[in-house]
Amino acid sequence: MASVFFGRRADGCVAAVKVLHAELASIDEVRKRFLREGPIGNALAAVAPLCEGLPQVLESGATDDGAVYMAMEMLEGETVFDRMVRHGTLPVGQVIALAERVLDVLIVAHEHGIVHRDLKPENLHIGNDGRVRVLDFGLARVLDPLLEDVAGVPEMTTTSTGVSIGTDDYMAPEQALGLIREIDGRTDLFGLGATMFRLLAGRTIHGNLDEARLLIAVATEKAPPLAQHAPTAPPGLCAVPPGLCAVVDRALAFLKQERYP
């Protein structure tokens, strides 16, 4: 979607510069999504300055020749996806610590009317110092009109009912059904639960399905219990504590009313 370059501003500040691929920059909705990330994240950081899980976006916009870019603080470390690819599953303690840090960000975001809508391993970054950051607020739904005005980023109105927003393996049923007005903080809890499921079980909720079948499964089928797919430990017991399995299972409840409030 974008290429990342090392950059340095005139004042000497080092930055990671993301440049949207030219063929995507010409697509209005993609360009708008890309440019929403900075204002939303910075508006949220402004109202919650003590939240450590938000990367700083330094600048975003388009050049005279049409290149769409975003400059953000240079992050050292790796995404959760990178770590997952390398190890398959992660230790229970690491998953719990990760979830706690992500929840710190979600609490702040939801209190200020922002729903991320695309939580997944690729959008979670672990710094060399252990700090966890939530990336890519480009798909976020802004429920608070005041914050929407401050950020200057109106709700994405080009996607209507019947079109899903998010990433299939980690999206909630209401997203798969395109029920945009039903999306709230509990949608993000499902995304976090789906991420935890993948990190603990070594597979996604619905397994390896093609895109069409996966979207149907997300929209119509309940998530299986985590204990059914989590690794076992001698003598054949689930390696994930029952209490943690119960937490993940509730986060993945098909009906959002049955998830954590």
Protein backbone atom coordinates (compact mmCIF):
# COMPACT_ATOMS: atom_id res chain seq x y z
CA MET A 1 0.00 0.00 0.00
CA ALA A 2 2.85 2.38 0.86
CA SER A 3 6.63 2.53 0.78
CA VAL A 4 8.51 3.67 3.87
CA PHE A 5 11.62 5.83 3.71
CA PHE A 6 14.03 7.27 6.25
CA GLY A 7 13.66 11.03 6.37
CA ARG A 8 14.96 14.08 8.17
CA ARG A 9 13.19 17.42 8.50
CA ALA A 10 14.91 20.77 8.12
CA ASP A 11 15.06 21.03 11.92
CA GLY A 12 16.95 17.72 12.10
CA CYS A 13 14.03 15.62 13.35
CA VAL A 14 14.32 12.02 12.12
CA ALA A 15 11.14 10.47 10.73
CA ALA A 16 9.73 7.48 8.91
CA VAL A 17 8.06 8.76 5.75
CA LYS A 18 5.26 6.63 4.30
CA VAL A 19 4.47 7.36 0.65
CA LEU A 20 1.25 5.96 -0.76
CA HIS A 21 1.79 3.96 -3.94
CA ALA A 22 0.90 6.07 -6.98
CA GLU A 23 -1.80 3.71 -8.27
CA LEU A 24 -3.56 3.93 -4.89
CA ALA A 25 -3.09 7.67 -4.43
CA SER A 26 -5.44 8.19 -7.38
CA ILE A 27 -8.25 6.33 -5.59
CA ASP A 28 -10.20 8.90 -3.58
CA GLU A 29 -11.28 6.64 -0.68
CA VAL A 30 -7.82 5.13 -0.24
CA ARG A 31 -6.21 8.57 -0.25
CA LYS A 32 -8.71 9.90 2.30
CA ARG A 33 -8.16 6.91 4.57
CA PHE A 34 -4.39 7.36 4.40
CA LEU A 35 -4.59 11.06 5.24
CA ARG A 36 -7.08 10.54 8.12
CA GLU A 37 -4.60 8.59 10.22
CA GLY A 38 -2.44 11.52 11.29
CA PRO A 39 -5.16 13.99 12.33
CA ILE A 40 -7.12 11.33 14.24
CA GLY A 41 -4.08 9.99 16.09
CA ASN A 42 -2.78 13.46 16.92
CA ALA A 43 -6.19 14.71 18.05
CA LEU A 44 -6.45 11.72 20.36
CA ALA A 45 -2.92 12.25 21.66
CA ALA A 46 -3.77 15.90 22.35
CA VAL A 47 -6.69 14.99 24.63
CA ALA A 48 -4.79 12.09 26.23
CA PRO A 49 -1.14 13.23 26.47
CA LEU A 50 -0.23 10.52 28.99
CA CYS A 51 -1.23 7.67 26.68
CA GLU A 52 2.00 6.02 25.51
CA GLY A 53 0.46 3.77 22.88
CA LEU A 54 -0.07 6.37 20.17
CA PRO A 55 2.67 7.08 17.61
CA GLN A 56 3.26 10.73 16.77
CA VAL A 57 2.46 11.81 13.24
CA LEU A 58 4.64 14.79 12.36
CA GLU A 59 3.15 15.82 9.04
CA SER A 60 0.96 14.53 6.24
CA GLY A 61 -0.28 15.80 2.92
CA ALA A 62 0.40 15.74 -0.81
CA THR A 63 3.23 17.18 -2.86
CA ASP A 64 2.74 19.35 -5.94
CA ASP A 65 3.27 16.32 -8.18
CA GLY A 66 0.55 14.32 -6.39
CA ALA A 67 2.61 12.12 -4.06
CA VAL A 68 0.63 11.43 -0.88
CA TYR A 69 2.79 11.07 2.22
CA MET A 70 2.82 10.87 6.00
CA ALA A 71 5.86 11.51 8.22
CA MET A 72 5.76 9.92 11.65
CA GLU A 73 8.15 9.31 14.50
CA MET A 74 10.76 6.67 13.75
CA LEU A 75 9.78 3.44 15.51
CA GLU A 76 12.43 0.88 16.36
CA GLY A 77 11.25 -2.66 16.94
CA GLU A 78 8.75 -4.85 15.10
CA THR A 79 5.06 -5.40 14.56
CA VAL A 80 3.24 -8.17 16.36
CA PHE A 81 2.74 -9.72 12.92
CA ASP A 82 6.51 -9.91 12.39
CA ARG A 83 6.96 -11.60 15.74
CA MET A 84 4.05 -13.94 15.06
CA VAL A 85 5.50 -15.02 11.71
CA ARG A 86 8.81 -15.78 13.38
CA HIS A 87 7.44 -17.74 16.33
CA GLY A 88 3.98 -19.00 15.30
CA THR A 89 2.48 -18.54 18.75
CA LEU A 90 3.53 -16.28 21.61
CA PRO A 91 3.87 -17.14 25.31
CA VAL A 92 0.79 -16.52 27.42
CA GLY A 93 2.56 -13.84 29.46
CA GLN A 94 3.52 -11.88 26.35
CA VAL A 95 -0.02 -12.02 24.98
CA ILE A 96 -1.49 -10.81 28.27
CA ALA A 97 1.02 -7.94 28.50
CA LEU A 98 0.31 -6.96 24.89
CA ALA A 99 -3.46 -7.02 25.43
CA GLU A 100 -3.15 -4.85 28.54
CA ARG A 101 -1.22 -2.18 26.64
CA VAL A 102 -3.66 -2.25 23.72
CA LEU A 103 -6.56 -1.91 26.15
CA ASP A 104 -4.90 1.17 27.64
CA VAL A 105 -5.15 2.78 24.19
CA LEU A 106 -8.67 1.53 23.53
CA ILE A 107 -9.95 2.90 26.84
CA VAL A 108 -8.71 6.36 25.90
CA ALA A 109 -9.92 6.09 22.31
CA HIS A 110 -13.38 4.87 23.22
CA GLU A 111 -13.77 7.49 25.96
CA HIS A 112 -13.21 10.11 23.27
CA GLY A 113 -15.51 8.57 20.67
CA ILE A 114 -12.97 6.83 18.44
CA VAL A 115 -13.34 3.21 17.30
CA HIS A 116 -10.25 1.84 15.55
CA ARG A 117 -12.08 -0.78 13.40
CA ASP A 118 -8.93 -2.54 12.16
CA LEU A 119 -7.09 -4.07 15.11
CA LYS A 120 -4.81 -6.88 13.94
CA PRO A 121 -1.20 -8.02 14.44
CA GLU A 122 0.05 -5.83 11.58
CA ASN A 123 -1.27 -2.70 13.32
CA LEU A 124 0.35 -3.36 16.70
CA HIS A 125 3.99 -2.37 17.16
CA ILE A 126 6.35 -3.48 19.92
CA GLY A 127 9.29 -1.15 20.41
CA ASN A 128 12.77 -2.19 21.44
CA ASP A 129 11.91 -0.65 24.81
CA GLY A 130 8.82 -2.87 25.10
CA ARG A 131 6.40 -0.03 24.47
CA VAL A 132 3.31 -1.10 22.52
CA ARG A 133 1.78 1.29 20.00
CA VAL A 134 -1.49 0.98 18.10
CA LEU A 135 -1.00 1.97 14.46
CA ASP A 136 -3.23 2.95 11.52
CA PHE A 137 -6.26 4.92 12.63
CA GLY A 138 -7.13 5.46 8.96
CA LEU A 139 -10.27 3.33 9.21
CA ALA A 140 -11.31 4.69 12.60
CA ARG A 141 -14.89 5.72 13.21
CA VAL A 142 -15.11 9.09 14.97
CA LEU A 143 -18.29 9.13 17.06
CA ASP A 144 -17.59 12.40 18.90
CA PRO A 145 -18.53 15.41 16.69
CA LEU A 146 -16.28 17.71 18.76
CA LEU A 147 -13.20 15.54 18.22
CA GLU A 148 -14.18 15.13 14.58
CA ASP A 149 -14.10 18.91 14.20
CA VAL A 150 -10.77 19.21 16.03
CA ALA A 151 -9.17 16.50 13.90
CA GLY A 152 -10.73 17.82 10.71
CA VAL A 153 -11.61 14.29 9.62
CA PRO A 154 -15.30 13.64 8.90
CA GLU A 155 -16.64 10.11 8.97
CA MET A 156 -15.90 8.13 5.81
CA THR A 157 -19.22 8.46 4.01
CA THR A 158 -18.19 6.76 0.80
CA THR A 159 -18.70 3.32 2.34
CA SER A 160 -22.34 2.48 2.87
CA THR A 161 -24.33 -0.36 4.44
CA GLY A 162 -23.47 -3.65 2.81
CA VAL A 163 -19.75 -2.93 2.44
CA SER A 164 -17.44 -4.31 5.13
CA ILE A 165 -14.68 -2.24 6.71
CA GLY A 166 -11.71 -3.98 8.32
CA THR A 167 -9.60 -7.08 7.78
CA ASP A 168 -11.59 -10.30 7.36
CA ASP A 169 -9.61 -12.54 9.74
CA TYR A 170 -10.00 -10.06 12.61
CA MET A 171 -13.28 -8.27 11.92
CA ALA A 172 -16.42 -8.60 14.01
CA PRO A 173 -19.69 -9.97 12.55
CA GLU A 174 -21.26 -6.50 12.43
CA GLN A 175 -18.35 -5.36 10.25
CA ALA A 176 -18.68 -8.32 7.91
CA LEU A 177 -22.38 -7.51 7.54
CA GLY A 178 -21.58 -3.88 6.72
CA LEU A 179 -23.63 -2.58 9.65
CA ILE A 180 -21.65 0.62 10.13
CA ARG A 181 -24.09 2.11 12.65
CA GLU A 182 -23.68 -0.97 14.86
CA ILE A 183 -19.93 -0.49 15.17
CA ASP A 184 -18.75 0.69 18.59
CA GLY A 185 -16.07 -0.08 21.17
CA ARG A 186 -17.16 -3.70 21.39
CA THR A 187 -16.15 -4.09 17.75
CA ASP A 188 -12.58 -3.27 18.76
CA LEU A 189 -12.76 -5.78 21.61
CA PHE A 190 -13.60 -8.44 19.04
CA GLY A 191 -10.56 -7.41 16.98
CA LEU A 192 -8.32 -7.65 20.03
CA GLY A 193 -9.84 -11.01 20.94
CA ALA A 194 -9.25 -12.28 17.40
CA THR A 195 -5.63 -11.15 17.61
CA MET A 196 -5.16 -12.91 20.96
CA PHE A 197 -6.78 -16.04 19.51
CA ARG A 198 -4.27 -16.04 16.64
CA LEU A 199 -1.28 -15.47 18.93
CA LEU A 200 -2.32 -18.19 21.37
CA ALA A 201 -3.74 -20.80 18.99
CA GLY A 202 -1.40 -20.33 16.04
CA ARG A 203 -4.34 -19.97 13.63
CA THR A 204 -7.10 -17.51 12.89
CA ILE A 205 -10.64 -17.99 14.16
CA HIS A 206 -12.09 -19.52 10.99
CA GLY A 207 -8.91 -21.07 9.62
CA ASN A 208 -7.62 -20.96 6.07
CA LEU A 209 -10.60 -20.04 3.89
CA ASP A 210 -10.75 -18.15 0.62
CA GLU A 211 -11.89 -14.54 0.87
CA ALA A 212 -15.55 -15.10 -0.05
CA ARG A 213 -16.05 -18.08 2.29
CA LEU A 214 -14.19 -16.29 5.08
CA LEU A 215 -16.43 -13.24 4.89
CA ILE A 216 -19.52 -15.48 5.02
CA ALA A 217 -18.11 -17.37 8.01
CA VAL A 218 -17.37 -14.16 9.90
CA ALA A 219 -20.89 -12.88 9.23
CA THR A 220 -22.74 -16.09 10.14
CA GLU A 221 -20.66 -18.37 12.38
CA LYS A 222 -19.67 -18.12 16.03
CA ALA A 223 -15.98 -18.21 16.90
CA PRO A 224 -14.88 -21.62 18.24
CA PRO A 225 -13.72 -21.82 21.87
CA LEU A 226 -10.04 -20.94 22.18
CA ALA A 227 -9.37 -24.11 24.19
CA GLN A 228 -10.46 -26.16 21.18
CA HIS A 229 -7.49 -24.94 19.13
CA ALA A 230 -4.88 -23.79 21.65
CA PRO A 231 -1.71 -25.89 22.07
CA THR A 232 -1.75 -28.59 24.71
CA ALA A 233 0.69 -29.17 27.52
CA PRO A 234 1.43 -32.47 29.31
CA PRO A 235 -0.63 -34.42 30.11
CA GLY A 236 -2.80 -33.25 27.23
CA LEU A 237 -4.22 -30.18 28.96
CA CYS A 238 -4.76 -26.81 27.28
CA ALA A 239 -1.61 -24.71 27.58
CA VAL A 240 -3.71 -21.54 27.93
CA PRO A 241 -5.19 -20.99 31.42
CA PRO A 242 -8.98 -21.50 31.56
CA GLY A 243 -9.49 -17.95 32.81
CA LEU A 244 -7.71 -16.47 29.80
CA CYS A 245 -9.65 -18.75 27.44
CA ALA A 246 -12.87 -17.43 28.98
CA VAL A 247 -11.75 -13.82 28.50
CA VAL A 248 -10.92 -14.36 24.82
CA ASP A 249 -14.12 -16.34 24.21
CA ARG A 250 -16.25 -13.53 25.64
CA ALA A 251 -14.43 -10.90 23.58
CA LEU A 252 -15.28 -13.02 20.52
CA ALA A 253 -18.99 -13.38 21.29
CA PHE A 254 -21.00 -13.28 18.05
CA LEU A 255 -23.48 -10.76 19.47
CA LYS A 256 -21.77 -7.58 20.62
CA GLN A 257 -24.19 -7.35 23.57
CA GLU A 258 -22.54 -10.50 24.97
CA ARG A 259 -19.00 -9.07 24.81
CA TYR A 260 -17.41 -6.96 27.50
CA PRO A 261 -19.14 -3.56 27.75
